């Protein structure tokens, strides 16, 4: 019966990070922002608002295209507002939502910096 060879000296299996990692606070904030976009209705609402002249739409213009009730649409718009993607302005009985300039681009840039591809060490 053959014997297993003697164990060799342990080798380093882990390498230290090449850059700074996302901290807990920044990860939580970024996750909340991404969660606001991780809903098909909210993505559609952003798209519909962007398609309106000046990037502004009344909530009354948003209900029919998504096929949901006004309170449900208002809830989704509240989430987008809290995440910083749109602003809300009350005019009489209606609320108007406007895209925040560069909000999505800012998120993409932030993620790009955090998750930038590192040089590959594979052959």
PDB file of N, CA and C in Angstrom:
ATOM      1  N   UNK A   1       0.840  -1.179   0.000  1.00  0.00           N
ATOM      2  CA  UNK A   1       0.000   0.000   0.000  1.00  0.00           C
ATOM      3  C   UNK A   1       0.883   1.239   0.000  1.00  0.00           C
ATOM      4  N   UNK A   2       0.631   2.148  -0.942  1.00  0.00           N
ATOM      5  CA  UNK A   2       1.447   3.348  -1.055  1.00  0.00           C
ATOM      6  C   UNK A   2       1.033   4.353  -0.001  1.00  0.00           C
ATOM      7  N   UNK A   3       2.011   5.023   0.502  1.00  0.00           N
ATOM      8  CA  UNK A   3       1.758   6.050   1.516  1.00  0.00           C
ATOM      9  C   UNK A   3       1.663   7.410   0.847  1.00  0.00           C
ATOM     10  N   UNK A   4       0.820   8.252   1.404  1.00  0.00           N
ATOM     11  CA  UNK A   4       0.749   9.629   0.913  1.00  0.00           C
ATOM     12  C   UNK A   4       2.075  10.318   1.221  1.00  0.00           C
ATOM     13  N   UNK A   5       2.519  11.185   0.306  1.00  0.00           N
ATOM     14  CA  UNK A   5       3.762  11.900   0.593  1.00  0.00           C
ATOM     15  C   UNK A   5       3.586  12.798   1.807  1.00  0.00           C
ATOM     16  N   UNK A   6       4.691  13.133   2.411  1.00  0.00           N
ATOM     17  CA  UNK A   6       4.652  14.017   3.575  1.00  0.00           C
ATOM     18  C   UNK A   6       4.101  15.373   3.165  1.00  0.00           C
ATOM     19  N   UNK A   7       3.311  15.970   4.023  1.00  0.00           N
ATOM     20  CA  UNK A   7       2.760  17.287   3.692  1.00  0.00           C
ATOM     21  C   UNK A   7       3.888  18.291   3.496  1.00  0.00           C
ATOM     22  N   UNK A   8       3.681  19.186   2.553  1.00  0.00           N
ATOM     23  CA  UNK A   8       4.664  20.230   2.315  1.00  0.00           C
ATOM     24  C   UNK A   8       4.331  21.428   3.182  1.00  0.00           C
ATOM     25  N   UNK A   9       5.244  22.356   3.207  1.00  0.00           N
ATOM     26  CA  UNK A   9       5.030  23.565   4.004  1.00  0.00           C
ATOM     27  C   UNK A   9       3.831  24.317   3.437  1.00  0.00           C
ATOM     28  N   UNK A  10       3.020  24.915   4.287  1.00  0.00           N
ATOM     29  CA  UNK A  10       1.842  25.635   3.804  1.00  0.00           C
ATOM     30  C   UNK A  10       2.249  26.787   2.886  1.00  0.00           C
ATOM     31  N   UNK A  11       1.455  26.973   1.864  1.00  0.00           N
ATOM     32  CA  UNK A  11       1.694  28.085   0.946  1.00  0.00           C
ATOM     33  C   UNK A  11       0.621  29.136   1.169  1.00  0.00           C
ATOM     34  N   UNK A  12       0.962  30.315   0.776  1.00  0.00           N
ATOM     35  CA  UNK A  12      -0.009  31.406   0.920  1.00  0.00           C
ATOM     36  C   UNK A  12      -1.119  31.207  -0.113  1.00  0.00           C
ATOM     37  N   UNK A  13      -2.334  31.045   0.360  1.00  0.00           N
ATOM     38  CA  UNK A  13      -3.458  30.831  -0.559  1.00  0.00           C
ATOM     39  C   UNK A  13      -4.187  32.116  -0.883  1.00  0.00           C
ATOM     40  N   UNK A  14      -3.971  33.114  -0.106  1.00  0.00           N
ATOM     41  CA  UNK A  14      -4.717  34.353  -0.286  1.00  0.00           C
ATOM     42  C   UNK A  14      -3.758  35.501  -0.576  1.00  0.00           C
ATOM     43  N   UNK A  15      -4.200  36.390  -1.430  1.00  0.00           N
ATOM     44  CA  UNK A  15      -3.414  37.577  -1.709  1.00  0.00           C
ATOM     45  C   UNK A  15      -4.150  38.779  -1.153  1.00  0.00           C
ATOM     46  N   UNK A  16      -3.416  39.776  -0.735  1.00  0.00           N
ATOM     47  CA  UNK A  16      -4.089  40.962  -0.191  1.00  0.00           C
ATOM     48  C   UNK A  16      -4.793  41.721  -1.311  1.00  0.00           C
ATOM     49  N   UNK A  17      -5.833  42.453  -0.974  1.00  0.00           N
ATOM     50  CA  UNK A  17      -6.544  43.236  -1.994  1.00  0.00           C
ATOM     51  C   UNK A  17      -5.604  44.247  -2.660  1.00  0.00           C
ATOM     52  N   UNK A  18      -5.825  44.482  -3.936  1.00  0.00           N
ATOM     53  CA  UNK A  18      -4.999  45.431  -4.679  1.00  0.00           C
ATOM     54  C   UNK A  18      -5.482  46.869  -4.485  1.00  0.00           C
ATOM     55  N   UNK A  19      -6.717  47.026  -4.073  1.00  0.00           N
ATOM     56  CA  UNK A  19      -7.277  48.366  -3.867  1.00  0.00           C
ATOM     57  C   UNK A  19      -8.144  48.374  -2.632  1.00  0.00           C
ATOM     58  N   UNK A  20      -8.832  49.483  -2.423  1.00  0.00           N
ATOM     59  CA  UNK A  20      -9.709  49.568  -1.257  1.00  0.00           C
ATOM     60  C   UNK A  20     -11.050  48.924  -1.581  1.00  0.00           C
ATOM     61  N   UNK A  21     -11.592  48.247  -0.614  1.00  0.00           N
ATOM     62  CA  UNK A  21     -12.889  47.579  -0.766  1.00  0.00           C
ATOM     63  C   UNK A  21     -13.995  48.498  -0.273  1.00  0.00           C
ATOM     64  N   UNK A  22     -15.194  48.187  -0.655  1.00  0.00           N
ATOM     65  CA  UNK A  22     -16.372  48.940  -0.253  1.00  0.00           C
ATOM     66  C   UNK A  22     -16.612  48.740   1.238  1.00  0.00           C
ATOM     67  N   UNK A  23     -16.764  49.835   1.958  1.00  0.00           N
ATOM     68  CA  UNK A  23     -17.027  49.764   3.389  1.00  0.00           C
ATOM     69  C   UNK A  23     -18.488  49.455   3.672  1.00  0.00           C
ATOM     70  N   UNK A  24     -18.804  49.077   4.897  1.00  0.00           N
ATOM     71  CA  UNK A  24     -20.182  48.693   5.232  1.00  0.00           C
ATOM     72  C   UNK A  24     -21.208  49.811   4.991  1.00  0.00           C
ATOM     73  N   UNK A  25     -20.877  51.039   5.347  1.00  0.00           N
ATOM     74  CA  UNK A  25     -21.820  52.151   5.175  1.00  0.00           C
ATOM     75  C   UNK A  25     -22.062  52.413   3.693  1.00  0.00           C
ATOM     76  N   UNK A  26     -20.988  52.468   2.922  1.00  0.00           N
ATOM     77  CA  UNK A  26     -21.110  52.710   1.485  1.00  0.00           C
ATOM     78  C   UNK A  26     -21.835  51.562   0.796  1.00  0.00           C
ATOM     79  N   UNK A  27     -21.601  50.335   1.245  1.00  0.00           N
ATOM     80  CA  UNK A  27     -22.285  49.174   0.659  1.00  0.00           C
ATOM     81  C   UNK A  27     -23.792  49.254   0.927  1.00  0.00           C
ATOM     82  N   UNK A  28     -24.163  49.628   2.133  1.00  0.00           N
ATOM     83  CA  UNK A  28     -25.580  49.747   2.491  1.00  0.00           C
ATOM     84  C   UNK A  28     -26.261  50.829   1.659  1.00  0.00           C
ATOM     85  N   UNK A  29     -25.611  51.962   1.519  1.00  0.00           N
ATOM     86  CA  UNK A  29     -26.171  53.082   0.754  1.00  0.00           C
ATOM     87  C   UNK A  29     -26.306  52.709  -0.726  1.00  0.00           C
ATOM     88  N   UNK A  30     -25.289  52.089  -1.274  1.00  0.00           N
ATOM     89  CA  UNK A  30     -25.328  51.690  -2.678  1.00  0.00           C
ATOM     90  C   UNK A  30     -26.386  50.615  -2.911  1.00  0.00           C
ATOM     91  N   UNK A  31     -26.524  49.683  -1.973  1.00  0.00           N
ATOM     92  CA  UNK A  31     -27.536  48.623  -2.101  1.00  0.00           C
ATOM     93  C   UNK A  31     -28.946  49.214  -2.089  1.00  0.00           C
ATOM     94  N   UNK A  32     -29.190  50.199  -1.240  1.00  0.00           N
ATOM     95  CA  UNK A  32     -30.508  50.850  -1.206  1.00  0.00           C
ATOM     96  C   UNK A  32     -30.806  51.527  -2.543  1.00  0.00           C
ATOM     97  N   UNK A  33     -29.794  52.166  -3.109  1.00  0.00           N
ATOM     98  CA  UNK A  33     -29.973  52.832  -4.391  1.00  0.00           C
ATOM     99  C   UNK A  33     -30.266  51.822  -5.487  1.00  0.00           C
ATOM    100  N   UNK A  34     -29.498  50.732  -5.512  1.00  0.00           N
ATOM    101  CA  UNK A  34     -29.718  49.698  -6.526  1.00  0.00           C
ATOM    102  C   UNK A  34     -31.074  49.027  -6.345  1.00  0.00           C
ATOM    103  N   UNK A  35     -31.493  48.853  -5.101  1.00  0.00           N
ATOM    104  CA  UNK A  35     -32.789  48.233  -4.839  1.00  0.00           C
ATOM    105  C   UNK A  35     -33.921  49.082  -5.422  1.00  0.00           C
ATOM    106  N   UNK A  36     -33.758  50.392  -5.377  1.00  0.00           N
ATOM    107  CA  UNK A  36     -34.777  51.271  -5.950  1.00  0.00           C
ATOM    108  C   UNK A  36     -34.904  51.048  -7.450  1.00  0.00           C
ATOM    109  N   UNK A  37     -33.809  50.694  -8.102  1.00  0.00           N
ATOM    110  CA  UNK A  37     -33.839  50.458  -9.546  1.00  0.00           C
ATOM    111  C   UNK A  37     -34.148  49.009  -9.904  1.00  0.00           C
ATOM    112  N   UNK A  38     -34.126  48.131  -8.929  1.00  0.00           N
ATOM    113  CA  UNK A  38     -34.284  46.695  -9.194  1.00  0.00           C
ATOM    114  C   UNK A  38     -35.739  46.273  -9.283  1.00  0.00           C
ATOM    115  N   UNK A  39     -36.562  47.136  -9.793  1.00  0.00           N
ATOM    116  CA  UNK A  39     -37.984  46.854  -9.945  1.00  0.00           C
ATOM    117  C   UNK A  39     -38.400  47.277 -11.352  1.00  0.00           C
ATOM    118  N   UNK A  40     -39.016  46.382 -12.103  1.00  0.00           N
ATOM    119  CA  UNK A  40     -39.387  46.728 -13.484  1.00  0.00           C
ATOM    120  C   UNK A  40     -40.305  47.946 -13.600  1.00  0.00           C
ATOM    121  N   UNK A  41     -41.220  48.097 -12.667  1.00  0.00           N
ATOM    122  CA  UNK A  41     -42.127  49.248 -12.723  1.00  0.00           C
ATOM    123  C   UNK A  41     -41.358  50.536 -12.520  1.00  0.00           C
ATOM    124  N   UNK A  42     -40.436  50.556 -11.564  1.00  0.00           N
ATOM    125  CA  UNK A  42     -39.667  51.773 -11.318  1.00  0.00           C
ATOM    126  C   UNK A  42     -38.757  52.106 -12.501  1.00  0.00           C
ATOM    127  N   UNK A  43     -38.193  51.099 -13.124  1.00  0.00           N
ATOM    128  CA  UNK A  43     -37.379  51.346 -14.323  1.00  0.00           C
ATOM    129  C   UNK A  43     -38.237  51.933 -15.442  1.00  0.00           C
ATOM    130  N   UNK A  44     -39.436  51.406 -15.600  1.00  0.00           N
ATOM    131  CA  UNK A  44     -40.352  51.939 -16.625  1.00  0.00           C
ATOM    132  C   UNK A  44     -40.735  53.378 -16.304  1.00  0.00           C
ATOM    133  N   UNK A  45     -41.032  53.649 -15.019  1.00  0.00           N
ATOM    134  CA  UNK A  45     -41.395  55.013 -14.641  1.00  0.00           C
ATOM    135  C   UNK A  45     -40.267  55.988 -14.962  1.00  0.00           C
ATOM    136  N   UNK A  46     -39.026  55.618 -14.654  1.00  0.00           N
ATOM    137  CA  UNK A  46     -37.891  56.481 -14.984  1.00  0.00           C
ATOM    138  C   UNK A  46     -37.819  56.718 -16.488  1.00  0.00           C
ATOM    139  N   UNK A  47     -38.028  55.658 -17.248  1.00  0.00           N
ATOM    140  CA  UNK A  47     -37.979  55.757 -18.702  1.00  0.00           C
ATOM    141  C   UNK A  47     -39.087  56.656 -19.240  1.00  0.00           C
ATOM    142  N   UNK A  48     -40.272  56.528 -18.686  1.00  0.00           N
ATOM    143  CA  UNK A  48     -41.406  57.345 -19.130  1.00  0.00           C
ATOM    144  C   UNK A  48     -41.168  58.817 -18.791  1.00  0.00           C
ATOM    145  N   UNK A  49     -40.664  59.076 -17.596  1.00  0.00           N
ATOM    146  CA  UNK A  49     -40.363  60.461 -17.210  1.00  0.00           C
ATOM    147  C   UNK A  49     -39.289  61.032 -18.136  1.00  0.00           C
ATOM    148  N   UNK A  50     -38.262  60.248 -18.410  1.00  0.00           N
ATOM    149  CA  UNK A  50     -37.183  60.701 -19.294  1.00  0.00           C
ATOM    150  C   UNK A  50     -37.695  61.002 -20.695  1.00  0.00           C
ATOM    151  N   UNK A  51     -38.707  60.258 -21.138  1.00  0.00           N
ATOM    152  CA  UNK A  51     -39.248  60.441 -22.480  1.00  0.00           C
ATOM    153  C   UNK A  51     -40.125  61.688 -22.589  1.00  0.00           C
ATOM    154  N   UNK A  52     -40.597  62.208 -21.465  1.00  0.00           N
ATOM    155  CA  UNK A  52     -41.418  63.425 -21.488  1.00  0.00           C
ATOM    156  C   UNK A  52     -40.529  64.639 -21.753  1.00  0.00           C
ATOM    157  N   UNK A  53     -41.125  65.638 -22.366  1.00  0.00           N
ATOM    158  CA  UNK A  53     -40.414  66.871 -22.665  1.00  0.00           C
ATOM    159  C   UNK A  53     -39.848  67.469 -21.375  1.00  0.00           C
ATOM    160  N   UNK A  54     -38.570  67.726 -21.364  1.00  0.00           N
ATOM    161  CA  UNK A  54     -37.930  68.313 -20.185  1.00  0.00           C
ATOM    162  C   UNK A  54     -37.666  67.333 -19.074  1.00  0.00           C
ATOM    163  N   UNK A  55     -37.927  66.037 -19.299  1.00  0.00           N
ATOM    164  CA  UNK A  55     -37.690  65.041 -18.253  1.00  0.00           C
ATOM    165  C   UNK A  55     -38.581  65.228 -17.048  1.00  0.00           C
ATOM    166  N   UNK A  56     -39.807  65.717 -17.293  1.00  0.00           N
ATOM    167  CA  UNK A  56     -40.762  65.957 -16.210  1.00  0.00           C
ATOM    168  C   UNK A  56     -42.120  65.401 -16.614  1.00  0.00           C
ATOM    169  N   UNK A  57     -42.802  64.747 -15.646  1.00  0.00           N
ATOM    170  CA  UNK A  57     -44.128  64.207 -15.924  1.00  0.00           C
ATOM    171  C   UNK A  57     -45.002  64.324 -14.682  1.00  0.00           C
ATOM    172  N   UNK A  58     -46.275  64.551 -14.939  1.00  0.00           N
ATOM    173  CA  UNK A  58     -47.276  64.556 -13.875  1.00  0.00           C
ATOM    174  C   UNK A  58     -47.605  63.105 -13.528  1.00  0.00           C
ATOM    175  N   UNK A  59     -47.908  62.858 -12.286  1.00  0.00           N
ATOM    176  CA  UNK A  59     -48.271  61.500 -11.882  1.00  0.00           C
ATOM    177  C   UNK A  59     -49.461  61.009 -12.703  1.00  0.00           C
ATOM    178  N   UNK A  60     -50.335  61.915 -13.128  1.00  0.00           N
ATOM    179  CA  UNK A  60     -51.488  61.515 -13.940  1.00  0.00           C
ATOM    180  C   UNK A  60     -51.062  60.955 -15.297  1.00  0.00           C
ATOM    181  N   UNK A  61     -49.876  61.341 -15.765  1.00  0.00           N
ATOM    182  CA  UNK A  61     -49.353  60.823 -17.035  1.00  0.00           C
ATOM    183  C   UNK A  61     -48.650  59.472 -16.879  1.00  0.00           C
ATOM    184  N   UNK A  62     -48.477  59.022 -15.662  1.00  0.00           N
ATOM    185  CA  UNK A  62     -47.694  57.813 -15.408  1.00  0.00           C
ATOM    186  C   UNK A  62     -48.537  56.595 -15.054  1.00  0.00           C
ATOM    187  N   UNK A  63     -49.765  56.803 -14.673  1.00  0.00           N
ATOM    188  CA  UNK A  63     -50.623  55.704 -14.214  1.00  0.00           C
ATOM    189  C   UNK A  63     -50.981  54.751 -15.352  1.00  0.00           C
ATOM    190  N   UNK A  64     -51.549  55.281 -16.432  1.00  0.00           N
ATOM    191  CA  UNK A  64     -51.988  54.416 -17.544  1.00  0.00           C
ATOM    192  C   UNK A  64     -50.853  53.622 -18.189  1.00  0.00           C
ATOM    193  N   UNK A  65     -49.702  54.236 -18.482  1.00  0.00           N
ATOM    194  CA  UNK A  65     -48.649  53.473 -19.158  1.00  0.00           C
ATOM    195  C   UNK A  65     -48.149  52.249 -18.389  1.00  0.00           C
ATOM    196  N   UNK A  66     -48.176  52.306 -17.054  1.00  0.00           N
ATOM    197  CA  UNK A  66     -47.700  51.145 -16.286  1.00  0.00           C
ATOM    198  C   UNK A  66     -48.841  50.231 -15.847  1.00  0.00           C
ATOM    199  N   UNK A  67     -50.082  50.687 -16.038  1.00  0.00           N
ATOM    200  CA  UNK A  67     -51.234  49.843 -15.741  1.00  0.00           C
ATOM    201  C   UNK A  67     -51.442  49.537 -14.270  1.00  0.00           C
ATOM    202  N   UNK A  68     -51.058  50.472 -13.421  1.00  0.00           N
ATOM    203  CA  UNK A  68     -51.239  50.286 -11.977  1.00  0.00           C
ATOM    204  C   UNK A  68     -52.084  51.430 -11.425  1.00  0.00           C
ATOM    205  N   UNK A  69     -52.587  51.250 -10.208  1.00  0.00           N
ATOM    206  CA  UNK A  69     -53.394  52.297  -9.592  1.00  0.00           C
ATOM    207  C   UNK A  69     -52.509  53.490  -9.227  1.00  0.00           C
ATOM    208  N   UNK A  70     -53.155  54.646  -9.091  1.00  0.00           N
ATOM    209  CA  UNK A  70     -52.419  55.861  -8.745  1.00  0.00           C
ATOM    210  C   UNK A  70     -51.673  55.722  -7.414  1.00  0.00           C
ATOM    211  N   UNK A  71     -52.267  55.139  -6.356  1.00  0.00           N
ATOM    212  CA  UNK A  71     -51.505  54.979  -5.116  1.00  0.00           C
ATOM    213  C   UNK A  71     -50.259  54.090  -5.274  1.00  0.00           C
ATOM    214  N   UNK A  72     -50.363  53.051  -6.096  1.00  0.00           N
ATOM    215  CA  UNK A  72     -49.215  52.169  -6.312  1.00  0.00           C
ATOM    216  C   UNK A  72     -48.121  52.900  -7.074  1.00  0.00           C
ATOM    217  N   UNK A  73     -48.509  53.653  -8.089  1.00  0.00           N
ATOM    218  CA  UNK A  73     -47.533  54.433  -8.850  1.00  0.00           C
ATOM    219  C   UNK A  73     -46.882  55.467  -7.934  1.00  0.00           C
ATOM    220  N   UNK A  74     -47.672  56.106  -7.093  1.00  0.00           N
ATOM    221  CA  UNK A  74     -47.130  57.091  -6.155  1.00  0.00           C
ATOM    222  C   UNK A  74     -46.124  56.452  -5.201  1.00  0.00           C
ATOM    223  N   UNK A  75     -46.403  55.242  -4.764  1.00  0.00           N
ATOM    224  CA  UNK A  75     -45.450  54.533  -3.895  1.00  0.00           C
ATOM    225  C   UNK A  75     -44.117  54.328  -4.619  1.00  0.00           C
ATOM    226  N   UNK A  76     -44.180  53.850  -5.865  1.00  0.00           N
ATOM    227  CA  UNK A  76     -42.950  53.626  -6.628  1.00  0.00           C
ATOM    228  C   UNK A  76     -42.199  54.937  -6.843  1.00  0.00           C
ATOM    229  N   UNK A  77     -42.928  56.008  -7.088  1.00  0.00           N
ATOM    230  CA  UNK A  77     -42.291  57.307  -7.276  1.00  0.00           C
ATOM    231  C   UNK A  77     -41.659  57.806  -5.985  1.00  0.00           C
ATOM    232  N   UNK A  78     -42.272  57.493  -4.867  1.00  0.00           N
ATOM    233  CA  UNK A  78     -41.692  57.864  -3.567  1.00  0.00           C
ATOM    234  C   UNK A  78     -40.352  57.159  -3.366  1.00  0.00           C
ATOM    235  N   UNK A  79     -40.287  55.883  -3.721  1.00  0.00           N
ATOM    236  CA  UNK A  79     -39.034  55.127  -3.607  1.00  0.00           C
ATOM    237  C   UNK A  79     -37.958  55.758  -4.489  1.00  0.00           C
ATOM    238  N   UNK A  80     -38.327  56.111  -5.716  1.00  0.00           N
ATOM    239  CA  UNK A  80     -37.370  56.745  -6.631  1.00  0.00           C
ATOM    240  C   UNK A  80     -36.926  58.117  -6.126  1.00  0.00           C
ATOM    241  N   UNK A  81     -37.851  58.837  -5.497  1.00  0.00           N
ATOM    242  CA  UNK A  81     -37.515  60.144  -4.934  1.00  0.00           C
ATOM    243  C   UNK A  81     -36.545  59.990  -3.772  1.00  0.00           C
ATOM    244  N   UNK A  82     -36.828  59.054  -2.865  1.00  0.00           N
ATOM    245  CA  UNK A  82     -35.959  58.829  -1.714  1.00  0.00           C
ATOM    246  C   UNK A  82     -34.567  58.356  -2.129  1.00  0.00           C
ATOM    247  N   UNK A  83     -34.482  57.647  -3.250  1.00  0.00           N
ATOM    248  CA  UNK A  83     -33.194  57.167  -3.748  1.00  0.00           C
ATOM    249  C   UNK A  83     -32.439  58.252  -4.520  1.00  0.00           C
ATOM    250  N   UNK A  84     -33.108  59.381  -4.788  1.00  0.00           N
ATOM    251  CA  UNK A  84     -32.441  60.495  -5.437  1.00  0.00           C
ATOM    252  C   UNK A  84     -32.486  60.495  -6.953  1.00  0.00           C
ATOM    253  N   UNK A  85     -33.368  59.687  -7.542  1.00  0.00           N
ATOM    254  CA  UNK A  85     -33.457  59.628  -9.000  1.00  0.00           C
ATOM    255  C   UNK A  85     -34.429  60.641  -9.586  1.00  0.00           C
ATOM    256  N   UNK A  86     -35.428  61.039  -8.804  1.00  0.00           N
ATOM    257  CA  UNK A  86     -36.388  62.045  -9.252  1.00  0.00           C
ATOM    258  C   UNK A  86     -36.659  63.022  -8.114  1.00  0.00           C
ATOM    259  N   UNK A  87     -37.148  64.200  -8.489  1.00  0.00           N
ATOM    260  CA  UNK A  87     -37.628  65.157  -7.493  1.00  0.00           C
ATOM    261  C   UNK A  87     -39.127  65.309  -7.692  1.00  0.00           C
ATOM    262  N   UNK A  88     -39.802  65.775  -6.660  1.00  0.00           N
ATOM    263  CA  UNK A  88     -41.256  65.910  -6.682  1.00  0.00           C
ATOM    264  C   UNK A  88     -41.621  67.354  -6.393  1.00  0.00           C
ATOM    265  N   UNK A  89     -42.557  67.872  -7.202  1.00  0.00           N
ATOM    266  CA  UNK A  89     -43.070  69.219  -6.991  1.00  0.00           C
ATOM    267  C   UNK A  89     -44.589  69.163  -7.048  1.00  0.00           C
ATOM    268  N   UNK A  90     -45.216  69.651  -6.017  1.00  0.00           N
ATOM    269  CA  UNK A  90     -46.685  69.670  -5.944  1.00  0.00           C
ATOM    270  C   UNK A  90     -47.191  70.943  -6.614  1.00  0.00           C
ATOM    271  N   UNK A  91     -48.136  70.760  -7.557  1.00  0.00           N
ATOM    272  CA  UNK A  91     -48.782  71.890  -8.237  1.00  0.00           C
ATOM    273  C   UNK A  91     -50.280  71.652  -8.174  1.00  0.00           C
ATOM    274  N   UNK A  92     -50.930  72.380  -7.315  1.00  0.00           N
ATOM    275  CA  UNK A  92     -52.364  72.154  -7.102  1.00  0.00           C
ATOM    276  C   UNK A  92     -52.571  70.782  -6.502  1.00  0.00           C
ATOM    277  N   UNK A  93     -53.400  69.976  -7.146  1.00  0.00           N
ATOM    278  CA  UNK A  93     -53.676  68.634  -6.614  1.00  0.00           C
ATOM    279  C   UNK A  93     -52.741  67.582  -7.203  1.00  0.00           C
ATOM    280  N   UNK A  94     -51.918  67.981  -8.189  1.00  0.00           N
ATOM    281  CA  UNK A  94     -51.061  67.003  -8.862  1.00  0.00           C
ATOM    282  C   UNK A  94     -49.603  67.147  -8.436  1.00  0.00           C
ATOM    283  N   UNK A  95     -48.911  66.017  -8.506  1.00  0.00           N
ATOM    284  CA  UNK A  95     -47.477  66.003  -8.240  1.00  0.00           C
ATOM    285  C   UNK A  95     -46.752  65.780  -9.561  1.00  0.00           C
ATOM    286  N   UNK A  96     -45.702  66.562  -9.776  1.00  0.00           N
ATOM    287  CA  UNK A  96     -44.881  66.449 -10.973  1.00  0.00           C
ATOM    288  C   UNK A  96     -43.511  65.912 -10.574  1.00  0.00           C
ATOM    289  N   UNK A  97     -43.031  64.965 -11.353  1.00  0.00           N
ATOM    290  CA  UNK A  97     -41.752  64.318 -11.073  1.00  0.00           C
ATOM    291  C   UNK A  97     -40.760  64.658 -12.173  1.00  0.00           C
ATOM    292  N   UNK A  98     -39.564  65.015 -11.757  1.00  0.00           N
ATOM    293  CA  UNK A  98     -38.502  65.408 -12.675  1.00  0.00           C
ATOM    294  C   UNK A  98     -37.274  64.548 -12.412  1.00  0.00           C
ATOM    295  N   UNK A  99     -36.639  64.109 -13.488  1.00  0.00           N
ATOM    296  CA  UNK A  99     -35.402  63.344 -13.342  1.00  0.00           C
ATOM    297  C   UNK A  99     -34.322  64.215 -12.722  1.00  0.00           C
ATOM    298  N   UNK A 100     -33.535  63.635 -11.838  1.00  0.00           N
ATOM    299  CA  UNK A 100     -32.392  64.338 -11.280  1.00  0.00           C
ATOM    300  C   UNK A 100     -31.252  64.184 -12.283  1.00  0.00           C
ATOM    301  N   UNK A 101     -30.733  65.299 -12.754  1.00  0.00           N
ATOM    302  CA  UNK A 101     -29.667  65.211 -13.757  1.00  0.00           C
ATOM    303  C   UNK A 101     -28.501  64.350 -13.269  1.00  0.00           C
ATOM    304  N   UNK A 102     -28.082  63.451 -14.121  1.00  0.00           N
ATOM    305  CA  UNK A 102     -26.903  62.615 -13.893  1.00  0.00           C
ATOM    306  C   UNK A 102     -27.009  61.643 -12.712  1.00  0.00           C
ATOM    307  N   UNK A 103     -28.205  61.428 -12.155  1.00  0.00           N
ATOM    308  CA  UNK A 103     -28.324  60.511 -11.016  1.00  0.00           C
ATOM    309  C   UNK A 103     -27.948  59.088 -11.406  1.00  0.00           C
ATOM    310  N   UNK A 104     -28.450  58.602 -12.523  1.00  0.00           N
ATOM    311  CA  UNK A 104     -28.135  57.241 -12.967  1.00  0.00           C
ATOM    312  C   UNK A 104     -26.678  57.168 -13.400  1.00  0.00           C
ATOM    313  N   UNK A 105     -26.209  58.187 -14.136  1.00  0.00           N
ATOM    314  CA  UNK A 105     -24.805  58.204 -14.549  1.00  0.00           C
ATOM    315  C   UNK A 105     -23.879  58.208 -13.339  1.00  0.00           C
ATOM    316  N   UNK A 106     -24.254  58.962 -12.310  1.00  0.00           N
ATOM    317  CA  UNK A 106     -23.440  58.998 -11.093  1.00  0.00           C
ATOM    318  C   UNK A 106     -23.349  57.631 -10.437  1.00  0.00           C
ATOM    319  N   UNK A 107     -24.462  56.915 -10.405  1.00  0.00           N
ATOM    320  CA  UNK A 107     -24.464  55.570  -9.828  1.00  0.00           C
ATOM    321  C   UNK A 107     -23.581  54.645 -10.649  1.00  0.00           C
ATOM    322  N   UNK A 108     -23.704  54.715 -11.968  1.00  0.00           N
ATOM    323  CA  UNK A 108     -22.894  53.858 -12.828  1.00  0.00           C
ATOM    324  C   UNK A 108     -21.405  54.163 -12.680  1.00  0.00           C
ATOM    325  N   UNK A 109     -21.069  55.424 -12.578  1.00  0.00           N
ATOM    326  CA  UNK A 109     -19.666  55.806 -12.384  1.00  0.00           C
ATOM    327  C   UNK A 109     -19.158  55.286 -11.052  1.00  0.00           C
ATOM    328  N   UNK A 110     -19.974  55.438 -10.008  1.00  0.00           N
ATOM    329  CA  UNK A 110     -19.609  54.948  -8.671  1.00  0.00           C
ATOM    330  C   UNK A 110     -19.351  53.445  -8.700  1.00  0.00           C
ATOM    331  N   UNK A 111     -20.265  52.699  -9.311  1.00  0.00           N
ATOM    332  CA  UNK A 111     -20.092  51.250  -9.408  1.00  0.00           C
ATOM    333  C   UNK A 111     -18.878  50.891 -10.252  1.00  0.00           C
ATOM    334  N   UNK A 112     -18.662  51.634 -11.316  1.00  0.00           N
ATOM    335  CA  UNK A 112     -17.515  51.378 -12.178  1.00  0.00           C
ATOM    336  C   UNK A 112     -16.205  51.503 -11.423  1.00  0.00           C
ATOM    337  N   UNK A 113     -16.116  52.514 -10.551  1.00  0.00           N
ATOM    338  CA  UNK A 113     -14.895  52.690  -9.751  1.00  0.00           C
ATOM    339  C   UNK A 113     -14.737  51.567  -8.732  1.00  0.00           C
ATOM    340  N   UNK A 114     -15.843  51.161  -8.146  1.00  0.00           N
ATOM    341  CA  UNK A 114     -15.775  50.112  -7.119  1.00  0.00           C
ATOM    342  C   UNK A 114     -15.466  48.752  -7.698  1.00  0.00           C
ATOM    343  N   UNK A 115     -16.012  48.472  -8.860  1.00  0.00           N
ATOM    344  CA  UNK A 115     -15.909  47.139  -9.432  1.00  0.00           C
ATOM    345  C   UNK A 115     -15.030  47.088 -10.673  1.00  0.00           C
ATOM    346  N   UNK A 116     -14.143  48.055 -10.785  1.00  0.00           N
ATOM    347  CA  UNK A 116     -13.261  48.115 -11.956  1.00  0.00           C
ATOM    348  C   UNK A 116     -12.476  46.816 -12.063  1.00  0.00           C
ATOM    349  N   UNK A 117     -12.380  46.331 -13.282  1.00  0.00           N
ATOM    350  CA  UNK A 117     -11.643  45.089 -13.524  1.00  0.00           C
ATOM    351  C   UNK A 117     -10.174  45.294 -13.188  1.00  0.00           C
ATOM    352  N   UNK A 118      -9.648  44.356 -12.467  1.00  0.00           N
ATOM    353  CA  UNK A 118      -8.229  44.362 -12.126  1.00  0.00           C
ATOM    354  C   UNK A 118      -7.493  43.574 -13.193  1.00  0.00           C
ATOM    355  N   UNK A 119      -6.215  43.866 -13.395  1.00  0.00           N
ATOM    356  CA  UNK A 119      -5.448  43.095 -14.371  1.00  0.00           C
ATOM    357  C   UNK A 119      -5.481  41.606 -14.030  1.00  0.00           C
ATOM    358  N   UNK A 120      -5.678  40.807 -15.037  1.00  0.00           N
ATOM    359  CA  UNK A 120      -5.763  39.369 -14.846  1.00  0.00           C
ATOM    360  C   UNK A 120      -4.377  38.771 -14.648  1.00  0.00           C
ATOM    361  N   UNK A 121      -4.297  37.783 -13.758  1.00  0.00           N
ATOM    362  CA  UNK A 121      -3.014  37.092 -13.536  1.00  0.00           C
ATOM    363  C   UNK A 121      -3.045  35.718 -14.173  1.00  0.00           C
ATOM    364  N   UNK A 122      -4.145  35.383 -14.863  1.00  0.00           N
ATOM    365  CA  UNK A 122      -4.234  34.083 -15.491  1.00  0.00           C
ATOM    366  C   UNK A 122      -3.481  34.102 -16.824  1.00  0.00           C
ATOM    367  N   UNK A 123      -2.994  32.940 -17.266  1.00  0.00           N
ATOM    368  CA  UNK A 123      -2.210  32.900 -18.515  1.00  0.00           C
ATOM    369  C   UNK A 123      -3.021  33.206 -19.731  1.00  0.00           C
TER     370      UNK A 123
END
